[in-house]
Amino acid sequence: MDRSNPSISPLGPHTLLGSEAATVIVDRGRLGAALLAAALVAFLPPAAAAQDARGNVDIGQNADSLTDYFDFLPAAKGEQLPWALVEDGTAAGGVALEQRGTPTAANHSLAIYKSASIKDAEISLRIKATGGEEDQGGGVALRLTAPDSYYLVKMDARRDRVVFLRVANGDAEEIAAVDADIPTNAWHTLTVRSVDDEFVVSLDGVWAFTAFDKALSRAGRVALWAATGSITRFDSIEITPPSPSAQHW
């Protein structure tokens, strides 16, 4: 990581937390209402905007330019940005993207991947829950067409569950879930393969469940998701076209 870049704090591991951490990613500024407006405009979805499902962001290798890859929400004027870079010796690149908000700020935070609007894809991310009183964990939002409309696949380390939900106008409905052993302070790989109305979810390379839902059938954005009551870290996200075998897990 380039220490000459003023947008990266020189502090050591576990020191970029709380209010100091919120300035790290954004060149010591805050993302204001203009970024929120730009993100909303980017929530496209004419079918023609759907792109090849392919992308890969390694947080450690791209620590100096994460705003080139993600729009961070919430980003209302005057609010503290809950996303920050932190040094983490257990992350692949030694750096993780951390969401650390308060339960009163909003019910979730999003880091929206800018590069593509997609429908069918395999999405895999490395994620670690490090704390939180009511919520511990996070996941990936897909087919996101607005900040409050998307599918969500999340791991819940506090309750030891992997969950698939549909969020419509801010209201979440559970579609499928399974109990799983999800230790905190450990990296996990959460993967979802979406093909039409079929969603195949795995945790750490082990199939968790297959779910079906037709409600959100349009292409949309992909985003890292975390409940603001949780302290959650992300190491990387990879998006690829779904393999032909995806429907047969």
Protein backbone atom coordinates (compact mmCIF):
# COMPACT_ATOMS: atom_id res chain seq x y z
CA MET A 1 0.00 0.00 0.00
CA ASP A 2 1.41 3.40 -1.01
CA ARG A 3 2.03 5.35 2.19
CA SER A 4 2.77 8.50 0.18
CA ASN A 5 -0.91 8.75 -0.75
CA PRO A 6 -2.52 11.21 1.71
CA SER A 7 -5.85 9.34 1.51
CA ILE A 8 -4.34 6.37 3.33
CA SER A 9 -3.68 6.80 7.02
CA PRO A 10 -0.23 5.69 8.27
CA LEU A 11 -1.69 4.36 11.52
CA GLY A 12 -1.13 0.73 12.45
CA PRO A 13 -3.51 -2.23 12.73
CA HIS A 14 -6.83 -1.68 14.51
CA THR A 15 -6.26 2.08 14.86
CA LEU A 16 -8.48 3.23 12.01
CA LEU A 17 -11.75 2.70 13.81
CA GLY A 18 -14.65 4.93 14.75
CA SER A 19 -14.78 8.58 13.70
CA GLU A 20 -11.16 8.71 12.53
CA ALA A 21 -11.68 5.78 10.21
CA ALA A 22 -14.54 7.40 8.35
CA THR A 23 -12.23 9.81 6.53
CA VAL A 24 -9.73 7.28 5.22
CA ILE A 25 -11.28 6.21 1.93
CA VAL A 26 -12.53 9.58 0.80
CA ASP A 27 -9.33 11.66 0.82
CA ARG A 28 -10.18 12.98 4.29
CA GLY A 29 -13.54 14.32 3.10
CA ARG A 30 -17.11 13.12 3.21
CA LEU A 31 -19.21 11.78 0.40
CA GLY A 32 -22.07 14.25 0.12
CA ALA A 33 -25.45 14.38 -1.46
CA ALA A 34 -23.93 14.56 -4.95
CA LEU A 35 -22.50 11.04 -4.63
CA LEU A 36 -25.85 9.72 -3.47
CA ALA A 37 -27.55 11.33 -6.46
CA ALA A 38 -24.93 9.89 -8.82
CA ALA A 39 -25.39 6.45 -7.34
CA LEU A 40 -29.14 6.64 -7.80
CA VAL A 41 -28.74 7.64 -11.43
CA ALA A 42 -26.51 4.60 -11.90
CA PHE A 43 -29.32 2.26 -10.81
CA LEU A 44 -30.21 1.71 -14.41
CA PRO A 45 -31.83 -1.13 -15.53
CA PRO A 46 -32.80 -1.10 -19.16
CA ALA A 47 -31.93 -4.57 -20.35
CA ALA A 48 -29.43 -3.07 -22.75
CA ALA A 49 -27.38 -1.85 -19.79
CA ALA A 50 -26.74 -5.37 -18.53
CA GLN A 51 -23.09 -6.21 -19.02
CA ASP A 52 -20.90 -9.27 -18.97
CA ALA A 53 -20.87 -10.61 -15.43
CA ARG A 54 -17.20 -10.23 -14.70
CA GLY A 55 -15.21 -8.26 -12.15
CA ASN A 56 -12.68 -8.68 -9.37
CA VAL A 57 -11.71 -6.22 -6.66
CA ASP A 58 -8.94 -7.11 -4.22
CA ILE A 59 -9.19 -4.58 -1.38
CA GLY A 60 -5.48 -4.69 -0.51
CA GLN A 61 -4.27 -4.24 -4.08
CA ASN A 62 -6.73 -1.40 -4.77
CA ALA A 63 -6.65 0.40 -1.43
CA ASP A 64 -5.62 3.70 -3.03
CA SER A 65 -8.53 3.77 -5.49
CA LEU A 66 -11.58 2.12 -3.96
CA THR A 67 -13.82 5.05 -4.88
CA ASP A 68 -13.09 4.15 -8.51
CA TYR A 69 -14.83 0.82 -7.90
CA PHE A 70 -17.55 1.56 -5.33
CA ASP A 71 -20.18 4.12 -4.40
CA PHE A 72 -20.50 4.16 -0.62
CA LEU A 73 -23.88 4.62 1.05
CA PRO A 74 -25.25 6.11 3.18
CA ALA A 75 -23.61 9.32 2.04
CA ALA A 76 -26.06 12.03 3.05
CA LYS A 77 -24.61 15.46 3.65
CA GLY A 78 -23.31 15.93 7.16
CA GLU A 79 -23.37 12.24 8.07
CA GLN A 80 -20.32 10.23 9.03
CA LEU A 81 -19.34 7.72 6.37
CA PRO A 82 -19.45 4.27 8.02
CA TRP A 83 -16.92 2.70 5.61
CA ALA A 84 -13.17 2.81 6.22
CA LEU A 85 -9.94 1.07 5.32
CA VAL A 86 -8.25 -0.76 8.18
CA GLU A 87 -5.04 -2.71 8.32
CA ASP A 88 -5.71 -6.39 8.96
CA GLY A 89 -2.86 -8.86 9.03
CA THR A 90 -5.22 -11.75 8.34
CA ALA A 91 -6.56 -10.21 5.11
CA ALA A 92 -5.02 -11.44 1.87
CA GLY A 93 -3.50 -8.04 1.09
CA GLY A 94 -3.06 -6.87 4.68
CA VAL A 95 -5.90 -4.35 4.31
CA ALA A 96 -9.67 -4.73 4.69
CA LEU A 97 -12.68 -2.57 3.98
CA GLU A 98 -14.61 -2.19 7.22
CA GLN A 99 -18.16 -1.08 7.85
CA ARG A 100 -18.60 0.25 11.34
CA GLY A 101 -21.78 2.22 11.81
CA THR A 102 -24.23 2.71 14.63
CA PRO A 103 -27.65 1.08 14.76
CA THR A 104 -29.30 4.52 14.90
CA ALA A 105 -27.71 5.81 11.69
CA ALA A 106 -29.51 3.51 9.23
CA ASN A 107 -30.40 -0.15 9.10
CA HIS A 108 -27.68 -1.02 6.60
CA SER A 109 -24.75 0.29 4.58
CA LEU A 110 -23.88 -0.43 0.95
CA ALA A 111 -20.68 -0.34 -1.09
CA ILE A 112 -22.12 -0.49 -4.61
CA TYR A 113 -19.91 -1.93 -7.33
CA LYS A 114 -19.89 0.58 -10.19
CA SER A 115 -18.75 -1.40 -13.17
CA ALA A 116 -21.70 -3.52 -14.24
CA SER A 117 -25.42 -4.06 -14.12
CA ILE A 118 -26.01 -7.81 -14.21
CA LYS A 119 -28.72 -10.41 -13.77
CA ASP A 120 -27.10 -13.85 -13.92
CA ALA A 121 -23.70 -14.25 -12.25
CA GLU A 122 -21.62 -16.03 -9.66
CA ILE A 123 -20.63 -13.61 -6.91
CA SER A 124 -18.12 -14.53 -4.25
CA LEU A 125 -16.78 -12.40 -1.44
CA ARG A 126 -14.47 -12.79 1.54
CA ILE A 127 -16.08 -11.47 4.69
CA LYS A 128 -15.37 -11.39 8.41
CA ALA A 129 -17.63 -10.39 11.31
CA THR A 130 -15.57 -8.79 14.07
CA GLY A 131 -18.20 -7.40 16.41
CA GLY A 132 -21.64 -5.93 17.00
CA GLU A 133 -24.23 -6.27 19.74
CA GLU A 134 -27.39 -7.11 17.77
CA ASP A 135 -25.95 -7.92 14.35
CA GLN A 136 -22.67 -9.60 13.41
CA GLY A 137 -22.04 -10.18 9.75
CA GLY A 138 -22.93 -8.97 6.31
CA GLY A 139 -23.24 -10.15 2.76
CA VAL A 140 -23.87 -9.28 -0.85
CA ALA A 141 -26.80 -7.45 -2.45
CA LEU A 142 -27.60 -8.37 -6.05
CA ARG A 143 -30.04 -7.21 -8.74
CA LEU A 144 -30.05 -3.93 -6.87
CA THR A 145 -32.13 -1.28 -8.66
CA ALA A 146 -32.45 1.18 -5.75
CA PRO A 147 -30.87 1.47 -2.30
CA ASP A 148 -33.94 -0.25 -0.84
CA SER A 149 -34.72 -2.85 -3.55
CA TYR A 150 -32.52 -5.91 -4.07
CA TYR A 151 -31.88 -9.55 -3.20
CA LEU A 152 -29.61 -10.12 -0.22
CA VAL A 153 -27.47 -13.11 0.69
CA LYS A 154 -25.95 -12.66 4.13
CA MET A 155 -24.17 -14.57 6.84
CA ASP A 156 -25.27 -13.92 10.41
CA ALA A 157 -22.46 -14.85 12.79
CA ARG A 158 -24.45 -13.93 15.88
CA ARG A 159 -27.24 -16.38 15.06
CA ASP A 160 -25.12 -18.84 13.01
CA ARG A 161 -27.30 -18.63 9.92
CA VAL A 162 -26.96 -18.05 6.18
CA VAL A 163 -30.00 -16.19 4.84
CA PHE A 164 -31.47 -15.24 1.46
CA LEU A 165 -33.91 -12.31 1.47
CA ARG A 166 -35.82 -10.09 -0.91
CA VAL A 167 -35.78 -6.39 0.02
CA ALA A 168 -38.56 -4.32 -1.56
CA ASN A 169 -39.01 -0.66 -0.65
CA GLY A 170 -36.98 -1.30 2.46
CA ASP A 171 -39.07 -4.24 3.68
CA ALA A 172 -37.15 -7.53 3.92
CA GLU A 173 -38.78 -10.92 3.39
CA GLU A 174 -36.87 -14.11 4.15
CA ILE A 175 -36.96 -16.60 1.26
CA ALA A 176 -34.57 -19.29 2.54
CA ALA A 177 -32.16 -19.84 5.42
CA VAL A 178 -30.02 -22.54 6.97
CA ASP A 179 -28.10 -22.93 10.22
CA ALA A 180 -24.32 -22.84 9.81
CA ASP A 181 -21.22 -22.64 11.95
CA ILE A 182 -19.95 -19.07 11.45
CA PRO A 183 -17.19 -18.13 13.91
CA THR A 184 -16.54 -14.43 14.43
CA ASN A 185 -13.10 -12.93 13.78
CA ALA A 186 -12.55 -15.46 10.99
CA TRP A 187 -12.66 -14.98 7.24
CA HIS A 188 -15.44 -16.74 5.34
CA THR A 189 -16.18 -17.06 1.64
CA LEU A 190 -19.83 -16.40 0.81
CA THR A 191 -20.94 -17.28 -2.74
CA VAL A 192 -24.21 -16.98 -4.65
CA ARG A 193 -24.92 -18.17 -8.20
CA SER A 194 -27.98 -16.56 -9.73
CA VAL A 195 -29.53 -17.91 -12.93
CA ASP A 196 -33.01 -16.59 -13.76
CA ASP A 197 -35.12 -17.45 -10.70
CA GLU A 198 -32.63 -19.88 -9.13
CA PHE A 199 -30.13 -18.88 -6.43
CA VAL A 200 -27.50 -21.33 -5.22
CA VAL A 201 -25.74 -20.25 -2.02
CA SER A 202 -22.58 -21.70 -0.48
CA LEU A 203 -20.43 -20.85 2.51
CA ASP A 204 -16.72 -21.69 2.57
CA GLY A 205 -17.12 -23.88 -0.50
CA VAL A 206 -19.95 -25.96 0.98
CA TRP A 207 -23.44 -25.82 -0.52
CA ALA A 208 -25.88 -24.20 1.90
CA PHE A 209 -29.17 -24.15 -0.02
CA THR A 210 -30.87 -23.52 -3.35
CA ALA A 211 -33.73 -21.01 -3.41
CA PHE A 212 -36.15 -19.79 -6.04
CA ASP A 213 -37.80 -16.40 -6.50
CA LYS A 214 -39.11 -14.53 -9.55
CA ALA A 215 -39.90 -11.13 -8.09
CA LEU A 216 -36.71 -9.30 -9.12
CA SER A 217 -36.10 -10.43 -12.68
CA ARG A 218 -34.21 -7.43 -14.03
CA ALA A 219 -30.49 -6.77 -14.11
CA GLY A 220 -29.13 -4.63 -11.31
CA ARG A 221 -26.07 -3.61 -9.37
CA VAL A 222 -24.02 -5.72 -6.98
CA ALA A 223 -23.05 -4.34 -3.56
CA LEU A 224 -21.29 -5.24 -0.36
CA TRP A 225 -23.88 -5.08 2.43
CA ALA A 226 -23.56 -4.75 6.19
CA ALA A 227 -26.00 -4.00 8.98
CA THR A 228 -24.89 -0.81 10.68
CA GLY A 229 -25.06 -2.48 14.09
CA SER A 230 -22.32 -4.85 12.97
CA ILE A 231 -18.58 -4.40 12.59
CA THR A 232 -17.88 -6.21 9.33
CA ARG A 233 -14.78 -6.47 7.14
CA PHE A 234 -14.48 -7.31 3.45
CA ASP A 235 -11.34 -8.61 1.79
CA SER A 236 -12.37 -9.03 -1.87
CA ILE A 237 -15.28 -9.55 -4.25
CA GLU A 238 -15.26 -11.56 -7.47
CA ILE A 239 -18.00 -11.63 -10.13
CA THR A 240 -17.98 -14.16 -12.96
CA PRO A 241 -20.54 -15.59 -15.39
CA PRO A 242 -22.35 -18.58 -13.86
CA SER A 243 -21.05 -21.93 -14.99
CA PRO A 244 -23.44 -24.32 -16.80
CA SER A 245 -23.39 -26.54 -13.72
CA ALA A 246 -24.80 -23.79 -11.48
CA GLN A 247 -28.33 -25.11 -11.79
CA HIS A 248 -27.32 -28.60 -10.74
CA TRP A 249 -25.68 -28.01 -7.36
